[in-house]
Amino acid sequence: MKRTLFIFVFGMLTSGLAFGDFVSTTNVQVKQGGFKGSGVDSAIKTVSQVKDEQDDAWVTVKGNIVKKLSKDKYLFKDSTGEIVVEIDSKYWQGVEVNEKDVVELSGEVDKDYFEDGKFTKIKLDVKSPVQKVQ
């Protein structure tokens, strides 16, 4: 009986170790990887070019965030025009910018359509970390 109780208590005390996990005390930043060569058109687009892209097209733009419109929507501007961009908080990753800072944003074109096939609004739904250009 004592042996069974000892095994049970020992098992309960050590089973917590099996569920442990490494927790780093340093701020580790993971670099986003991926293919950077030729192939899919990865050139930086202008706002006017983005407006001509198909819905869900992946684009990268370079310019300035000039105004906060709501919790996660901002007005983005380059030399060809303005577009609304949606940036979830997870994509800021500690980067702070103001209207004078040049940034690169990558994400999907999001077009909302009428029933007759014409679109009413276009925005860029950012899907990768905000990059401040030096």
N, C-alpha and C. Protein backbone atom coordinates (compact mmCIF):
# COMPACT_ATOMS: atom_id res chain seq x y z
N MET A 1 0.82 -1.19 0.00
CA MET A 1 0.00 0.00 0.00
C MET A 1 0.87 1.26 0.00
N LYS A 2 1.92 1.26 0.87
CA LYS A 2 2.80 2.42 0.93
C LYS A 2 3.54 2.61 -0.39
N ARG A 3 3.91 1.50 -1.01
CA ARG A 3 4.62 1.59 -2.28
C ARG A 3 3.71 2.18 -3.36
N THR A 4 2.47 1.76 -3.41
CA THR A 4 1.51 2.28 -4.38
C THR A 4 1.27 3.77 -4.15
N LEU A 5 1.13 4.16 -2.90
CA LEU A 5 0.93 5.57 -2.56
C LEU A 5 2.17 6.38 -2.96
N PHE A 6 3.37 5.84 -2.70
CA PHE A 6 4.60 6.53 -3.06
C PHE A 6 4.69 6.73 -4.58
N ILE A 7 4.38 5.69 -5.34
CA ILE A 7 4.42 5.79 -6.80
C ILE A 7 3.41 6.80 -7.30
N PHE A 8 2.23 6.81 -6.73
CA PHE A 8 1.18 7.75 -7.13
C PHE A 8 1.62 9.19 -6.85
N VAL A 9 2.11 9.45 -5.63
CA VAL A 9 2.55 10.80 -5.26
C VAL A 9 3.75 11.22 -6.11
N PHE A 10 4.71 10.33 -6.31
CA PHE A 10 5.87 10.64 -7.13
C PHE A 10 5.45 10.98 -8.57
N GLY A 11 4.52 10.20 -9.09
CA GLY A 11 4.01 10.45 -10.44
C GLY A 11 3.31 11.79 -10.55
N MET A 12 2.53 12.15 -9.56
CA MET A 12 1.83 13.43 -9.57
C MET A 12 2.81 14.60 -9.50
N LEU A 13 3.83 14.46 -8.68
CA LEU A 13 4.81 15.54 -8.52
C LEU A 13 5.68 15.72 -9.76
N THR A 14 6.01 14.67 -10.44
CA THR A 14 6.90 14.77 -11.60
C THR A 14 6.16 14.94 -12.91
N SER A 15 4.87 14.69 -12.95
CA SER A 15 4.14 14.82 -14.22
C SER A 15 4.08 16.26 -14.69
N GLY A 16 4.14 17.20 -13.79
CA GLY A 16 4.14 18.61 -14.18
C GLY A 16 5.36 18.97 -15.01
N LEU A 17 6.45 18.28 -14.81
CA LEU A 17 7.66 18.53 -15.60
C LEU A 17 7.46 18.20 -17.07
N ALA A 18 6.61 17.25 -17.35
CA ALA A 18 6.37 16.85 -18.74
C ALA A 18 5.65 17.94 -19.51
N PHE A 19 4.93 18.81 -18.82
CA PHE A 19 4.18 19.87 -19.49
C PHE A 19 4.93 21.19 -19.48
N GLY A 20 6.15 21.21 -18.99
CA GLY A 20 6.93 22.43 -18.95
C GLY A 20 7.34 22.87 -20.35
N ASP A 21 7.73 24.13 -20.48
CA ASP A 21 8.12 24.67 -21.76
C ASP A 21 9.19 25.72 -21.51
N PHE A 22 10.06 25.93 -22.47
CA PHE A 22 11.09 26.94 -22.36
C PHE A 22 10.47 28.31 -22.49
N VAL A 23 10.81 29.19 -21.58
CA VAL A 23 10.36 30.58 -21.64
C VAL A 23 11.60 31.45 -21.63
N SER A 24 11.82 32.16 -22.70
CA SER A 24 12.99 33.02 -22.81
C SER A 24 12.79 34.30 -22.01
N THR A 25 13.83 34.76 -21.38
CA THR A 25 13.76 36.02 -20.65
C THR A 25 14.27 37.17 -21.49
N THR A 26 14.73 36.89 -22.69
CA THR A 26 15.20 37.95 -23.58
C THR A 26 14.17 38.18 -24.66
N ASN A 27 14.18 39.36 -25.22
CA ASN A 27 13.25 39.71 -26.29
C ASN A 27 13.82 39.22 -27.61
N VAL A 28 13.36 38.08 -28.07
CA VAL A 28 13.86 37.48 -29.30
C VAL A 28 12.95 37.90 -30.45
N GLN A 29 13.53 38.46 -31.48
CA GLN A 29 12.76 38.83 -32.66
C GLN A 29 13.06 37.84 -33.77
N VAL A 30 12.01 37.30 -34.35
CA VAL A 30 12.16 36.33 -35.42
C VAL A 30 12.13 37.09 -36.74
N LYS A 31 13.14 36.88 -37.55
CA LYS A 31 13.19 37.53 -38.85
C LYS A 31 12.27 36.80 -39.80
N GLN A 32 11.47 37.57 -40.52
CA GLN A 32 10.55 36.97 -41.48
C GLN A 32 11.37 36.44 -42.65
N GLY A 33 11.19 35.19 -42.98
CA GLY A 33 11.93 34.59 -44.08
C GLY A 33 11.05 34.41 -45.30
N GLY A 34 11.62 33.91 -46.33
CA GLY A 34 10.86 33.65 -47.54
C GLY A 34 11.73 33.86 -48.77
N PHE A 35 11.20 33.52 -49.91
CA PHE A 35 11.92 33.65 -51.17
C PHE A 35 11.97 35.11 -51.59
N LYS A 36 13.16 35.59 -51.96
CA LYS A 36 13.34 36.98 -52.33
C LYS A 36 13.84 37.14 -53.77
N GLY A 37 13.75 36.10 -54.57
CA GLY A 37 14.27 36.16 -55.93
C GLY A 37 13.23 36.56 -56.95
N SER A 38 13.54 36.27 -58.22
CA SER A 38 12.62 36.62 -59.30
C SER A 38 11.47 35.63 -59.36
N GLY A 39 10.44 36.02 -60.04
CA GLY A 39 9.26 35.16 -60.15
C GLY A 39 8.02 36.01 -60.05
N VAL A 40 7.25 35.78 -59.01
CA VAL A 40 6.03 36.55 -58.80
C VAL A 40 6.39 38.02 -58.72
N ASP A 41 5.58 38.88 -59.32
CA ASP A 41 5.84 40.31 -59.34
C ASP A 41 5.85 40.84 -57.91
N SER A 42 7.06 41.11 -57.41
CA SER A 42 7.19 41.60 -56.04
C SER A 42 7.61 43.06 -56.01
N ALA A 43 7.51 43.73 -57.15
CA ALA A 43 7.90 45.13 -57.22
C ALA A 43 6.95 45.99 -56.39
N ILE A 44 7.49 47.08 -55.90
CA ILE A 44 6.67 48.02 -55.13
C ILE A 44 5.70 48.70 -56.08
N LYS A 45 4.44 48.75 -55.67
CA LYS A 45 3.38 49.36 -56.46
C LYS A 45 3.07 50.75 -55.93
N THR A 46 2.53 51.59 -56.79
CA THR A 46 2.02 52.89 -56.35
C THR A 46 0.56 52.73 -55.95
N VAL A 47 0.03 53.72 -55.26
CA VAL A 47 -1.38 53.66 -54.86
C VAL A 47 -2.27 53.57 -56.09
N SER A 48 -1.96 54.31 -57.14
CA SER A 48 -2.80 54.25 -58.34
C SER A 48 -2.74 52.86 -58.98
N GLN A 49 -1.59 52.19 -58.93
CA GLN A 49 -1.49 50.83 -59.46
C GLN A 49 -2.27 49.85 -58.59
N VAL A 50 -2.23 50.04 -57.28
CA VAL A 50 -2.97 49.16 -56.36
C VAL A 50 -4.46 49.22 -56.67
N LYS A 51 -4.96 50.39 -56.98
CA LYS A 51 -6.39 50.55 -57.27
C LYS A 51 -6.81 49.79 -58.52
N ASP A 52 -5.85 49.51 -59.42
CA ASP A 52 -6.14 48.75 -60.63
C ASP A 52 -5.93 47.24 -60.46
N GLU A 53 -5.38 46.82 -59.34
CA GLU A 53 -5.14 45.40 -59.09
C GLU A 53 -6.45 44.66 -58.82
N GLN A 54 -6.41 43.34 -58.99
CA GLN A 54 -7.57 42.50 -58.69
C GLN A 54 -7.73 42.34 -57.19
N ASP A 55 -8.95 42.02 -56.78
CA ASP A 55 -9.23 41.74 -55.38
C ASP A 55 -8.34 40.59 -54.91
N ASP A 56 -7.81 40.69 -53.72
CA ASP A 56 -6.94 39.69 -53.08
C ASP A 56 -5.53 39.61 -53.67
N ALA A 57 -5.17 40.53 -54.58
CA ALA A 57 -3.81 40.54 -55.12
C ALA A 57 -2.84 40.95 -54.01
N TRP A 58 -1.66 40.34 -53.98
CA TRP A 58 -0.64 40.67 -52.98
C TRP A 58 0.21 41.81 -53.53
N VAL A 59 0.32 42.90 -52.77
CA VAL A 59 1.09 44.06 -53.22
C VAL A 59 1.95 44.60 -52.08
N THR A 60 2.96 45.36 -52.46
CA THR A 60 3.79 46.10 -51.52
C THR A 60 3.78 47.55 -51.96
N VAL A 61 3.55 48.45 -51.01
CA VAL A 61 3.54 49.88 -51.31
C VAL A 61 4.57 50.58 -50.42
N LYS A 62 5.01 51.74 -50.89
CA LYS A 62 6.00 52.52 -50.14
C LYS A 62 5.51 53.96 -50.10
N GLY A 63 5.42 54.52 -48.90
CA GLY A 63 4.93 55.88 -48.75
C GLY A 63 4.80 56.24 -47.28
N ASN A 64 3.79 57.07 -46.98
CA ASN A 64 3.62 57.57 -45.62
C ASN A 64 2.22 57.27 -45.09
N ILE A 65 2.15 56.92 -43.81
CA ILE A 65 0.87 56.84 -43.12
C ILE A 65 0.62 58.24 -42.59
N VAL A 66 -0.41 58.90 -43.10
CA VAL A 66 -0.61 60.31 -42.78
C VAL A 66 -1.68 60.57 -41.73
N LYS A 67 -2.53 59.56 -41.45
CA LYS A 67 -3.62 59.81 -40.51
C LYS A 67 -4.19 58.50 -39.99
N LYS A 68 -4.55 58.48 -38.70
CA LYS A 68 -5.25 57.33 -38.13
C LYS A 68 -6.74 57.59 -38.28
N LEU A 69 -7.45 56.62 -38.87
CA LEU A 69 -8.88 56.78 -39.12
C LEU A 69 -9.73 56.10 -38.06
N SER A 70 -9.28 54.96 -37.57
CA SER A 70 -9.99 54.21 -36.53
C SER A 70 -8.98 53.30 -35.84
N LYS A 71 -9.47 52.34 -35.07
CA LYS A 71 -8.59 51.47 -34.28
C LYS A 71 -7.45 50.87 -35.10
N ASP A 72 -7.75 50.33 -36.27
CA ASP A 72 -6.71 49.69 -37.07
C ASP A 72 -6.71 50.14 -38.54
N LYS A 73 -7.37 51.25 -38.82
CA LYS A 73 -7.41 51.78 -40.20
C LYS A 73 -6.68 53.12 -40.24
N TYR A 74 -5.88 53.27 -41.31
CA TYR A 74 -5.04 54.45 -41.47
C TYR A 74 -5.13 54.93 -42.91
N LEU A 75 -4.82 56.21 -43.11
CA LEU A 75 -4.76 56.76 -44.46
C LEU A 75 -3.30 56.74 -44.90
N PHE A 76 -3.04 56.04 -46.00
CA PHE A 76 -1.70 55.89 -46.56
C PHE A 76 -1.60 56.73 -47.82
N LYS A 77 -0.45 57.38 -48.01
CA LYS A 77 -0.30 58.27 -49.16
C LYS A 77 1.07 58.07 -49.80
N ASP A 78 1.06 58.10 -51.14
CA ASP A 78 2.32 58.18 -51.88
C ASP A 78 2.16 59.29 -52.91
N SER A 79 3.08 59.40 -53.84
CA SER A 79 3.04 60.51 -54.81
C SER A 79 1.88 60.40 -55.80
N THR A 80 1.20 59.23 -55.85
CA THR A 80 0.13 59.05 -56.83
C THR A 80 -1.27 59.09 -56.23
N GLY A 81 -1.38 59.12 -54.90
CA GLY A 81 -2.71 59.16 -54.30
C GLY A 81 -2.75 58.63 -52.88
N GLU A 82 -3.98 58.39 -52.41
CA GLU A 82 -4.21 57.91 -51.05
C GLU A 82 -5.06 56.66 -51.07
N ILE A 83 -4.87 55.81 -50.05
CA ILE A 83 -5.67 54.61 -49.90
C ILE A 83 -5.77 54.29 -48.41
N VAL A 84 -6.87 53.69 -48.02
CA VAL A 84 -7.04 53.24 -46.64
C VAL A 84 -6.29 51.92 -46.48
N VAL A 85 -5.53 51.81 -45.40
CA VAL A 85 -4.84 50.57 -45.08
C VAL A 85 -5.32 50.09 -43.72
N GLU A 86 -5.47 48.78 -43.59
CA GLU A 86 -5.87 48.18 -42.31
C GLU A 86 -4.68 47.41 -41.77
N ILE A 87 -4.22 47.82 -40.58
CA ILE A 87 -3.04 47.20 -39.98
C ILE A 87 -3.42 46.68 -38.60
N ASP A 88 -3.51 45.36 -38.45
CA ASP A 88 -3.78 44.77 -37.14
C ASP A 88 -2.58 45.03 -36.22
N SER A 89 -2.83 45.12 -34.93
CA SER A 89 -1.78 45.46 -33.97
C SER A 89 -0.60 44.50 -34.02
N LYS A 90 -0.84 43.24 -34.36
CA LYS A 90 0.27 42.26 -34.38
C LYS A 90 1.30 42.57 -35.46
N TYR A 91 0.95 43.38 -36.46
CA TYR A 91 1.90 43.70 -37.52
C TYR A 91 2.74 44.94 -37.23
N TRP A 92 2.45 45.66 -36.16
CA TRP A 92 3.27 46.82 -35.80
C TRP A 92 4.58 46.36 -35.17
N GLN A 93 4.56 45.34 -34.36
CA GLN A 93 5.74 44.75 -33.72
C GLN A 93 6.69 45.80 -33.13
N GLY A 94 6.12 46.78 -32.45
CA GLY A 94 6.93 47.78 -31.76
C GLY A 94 7.42 48.92 -32.62
N VAL A 95 7.14 48.89 -33.92
CA VAL A 95 7.58 49.97 -34.82
C VAL A 95 6.69 51.18 -34.59
N GLU A 96 7.31 52.34 -34.39
CA GLU A 96 6.56 53.59 -34.24
C GLU A 96 6.88 54.49 -35.42
N VAL A 97 5.83 55.04 -36.03
CA VAL A 97 6.02 55.93 -37.18
C VAL A 97 5.15 57.17 -37.01
N ASN A 98 5.54 58.23 -37.72
CA ASN A 98 4.69 59.41 -37.81
C ASN A 98 4.49 59.72 -39.29
N GLU A 99 3.79 60.80 -39.57
CA GLU A 99 3.44 61.10 -40.97
C GLU A 99 4.66 61.42 -41.84
N LYS A 100 5.82 61.68 -41.25
CA LYS A 100 7.02 61.98 -42.03
C LYS A 100 7.85 60.74 -42.34
N ASP A 101 7.60 59.65 -41.63
CA ASP A 101 8.36 58.42 -41.83
C ASP A 101 7.88 57.67 -43.07
N VAL A 102 8.82 57.19 -43.87
CA VAL A 102 8.49 56.38 -45.04
C VAL A 102 8.43 54.92 -44.59
N VAL A 103 7.36 54.23 -44.99
CA VAL A 103 7.17 52.84 -44.61
C VAL A 103 6.88 51.99 -45.85
N GLU A 104 7.15 50.70 -45.72
CA GLU A 104 6.74 49.72 -46.73
C GLU A 104 5.70 48.83 -46.09
N LEU A 105 4.58 48.66 -46.78
CA LEU A 105 3.49 47.82 -46.31
C LEU A 105 3.20 46.76 -47.36
N SER A 106 3.02 45.52 -46.92
CA SER A 106 2.67 44.43 -47.83
C SER A 106 1.39 43.78 -47.36
N GLY A 107 0.52 43.48 -48.31
CA GLY A 107 -0.74 42.84 -47.96
C GLY A 107 -1.60 42.60 -49.17
N GLU A 108 -2.88 42.34 -48.90
CA GLU A 108 -3.83 42.01 -49.95
C GLU A 108 -4.74 43.19 -50.26
N VAL A 109 -4.99 43.37 -51.55
CA VAL A 109 -5.96 44.36 -51.99
C VAL A 109 -7.35 43.85 -51.60
N ASP A 110 -8.14 44.70 -51.01
CA ASP A 110 -9.49 44.32 -50.58
C ASP A 110 -10.49 45.26 -51.24
N LYS A 111 -11.26 44.73 -52.18
CA LYS A 111 -12.26 45.52 -52.89
C LYS A 111 -13.65 45.05 -52.50
N ASP A 112 -14.52 46.00 -52.18
CA ASP A 112 -15.93 45.69 -51.90
C ASP A 112 -16.74 46.06 -53.14
N TYR A 113 -17.57 45.13 -53.58
CA TYR A 113 -18.29 45.30 -54.84
C TYR A 113 -19.77 45.55 -54.64
N PHE A 114 -20.35 46.28 -55.60
CA PHE A 114 -21.80 46.37 -55.74
C PHE A 114 -22.28 45.11 -56.43
N GLU A 115 -23.58 44.97 -56.56
CA GLU A 115 -24.14 43.81 -57.27
C GLU A 115 -23.83 43.86 -58.76
N ASP A 116 -23.70 45.05 -59.33
CA ASP A 116 -23.46 45.16 -60.77
C ASP A 116 -21.98 44.99 -61.14
N GLY A 117 -21.15 44.63 -60.17
CA GLY A 117 -19.76 44.36 -60.47
C GLY A 117 -18.82 45.53 -60.28
N LYS A 118 -19.35 46.70 -60.00
CA LYS A 118 -18.49 47.85 -59.76
C LYS A 118 -18.14 47.92 -58.28
N PHE A 119 -16.91 48.31 -58.01
CA PHE A 119 -16.50 48.35 -56.61
C PHE A 119 -16.71 49.74 -56.02
N THR A 120 -16.97 49.75 -54.73
CA THR A 120 -17.24 51.00 -54.04
C THR A 120 -16.03 51.51 -53.26
N LYS A 121 -15.28 50.59 -52.68
CA LYS A 121 -14.12 51.03 -51.92
C LYS A 121 -13.00 50.02 -52.05
N ILE A 122 -11.80 50.54 -51.97
CA ILE A 122 -10.60 49.71 -52.06
C ILE A 122 -9.75 50.02 -50.83
N LYS A 123 -9.21 48.98 -50.23
CA LYS A 123 -8.27 49.19 -49.13
C LYS A 123 -7.18 48.13 -49.24
N LEU A 124 -6.11 48.37 -48.53
CA LEU A 124 -5.02 47.40 -48.45
C LEU A 124 -5.05 46.79 -47.07
N ASP A 125 -5.24 45.48 -47.01
CA ASP A 125 -5.27 44.74 -45.75
C ASP A 125 -3.85 44.21 -45.50
N VAL A 126 -3.11 44.89 -44.63
CA VAL A 126 -1.70 44.57 -44.39
C VAL A 126 -1.59 43.21 -43.70
N LYS A 127 -0.72 42.36 -44.23
CA LYS A 127 -0.57 40.98 -43.74
C LYS A 127 0.87 40.64 -43.36
N SER A 128 1.74 41.64 -43.26
CA SER A 128 3.11 41.39 -42.82
C SER A 128 3.57 42.58 -41.99
N PRO A 129 4.63 42.41 -41.22
CA PRO A 129 5.07 43.49 -40.33
C PRO A 129 5.36 44.80 -41.06
N VAL A 130 5.02 45.91 -40.40
CA VAL A 130 5.30 47.24 -40.92
C VAL A 130 6.82 47.42 -40.95
N GLN A 131 7.34 47.92 -42.07
CA GLN A 131 8.78 48.14 -42.19
C GLN A 131 9.04 49.62 -42.41
N LYS A 132 9.79 50.19 -41.48
CA LYS A 132 10.17 51.59 -41.59
C LYS A 132 11.39 51.68 -42.50
N VAL A 133 11.34 52.54 -43.51
CA VAL A 133 12.43 52.69 -44.47
C VAL A 133 13.33 53.81 -43.99
N GLN A 134 14.61 53.54 -43.93
CA GLN A 134 15.57 54.55 -43.44
C GLN A 134 15.92 55.54 -44.51
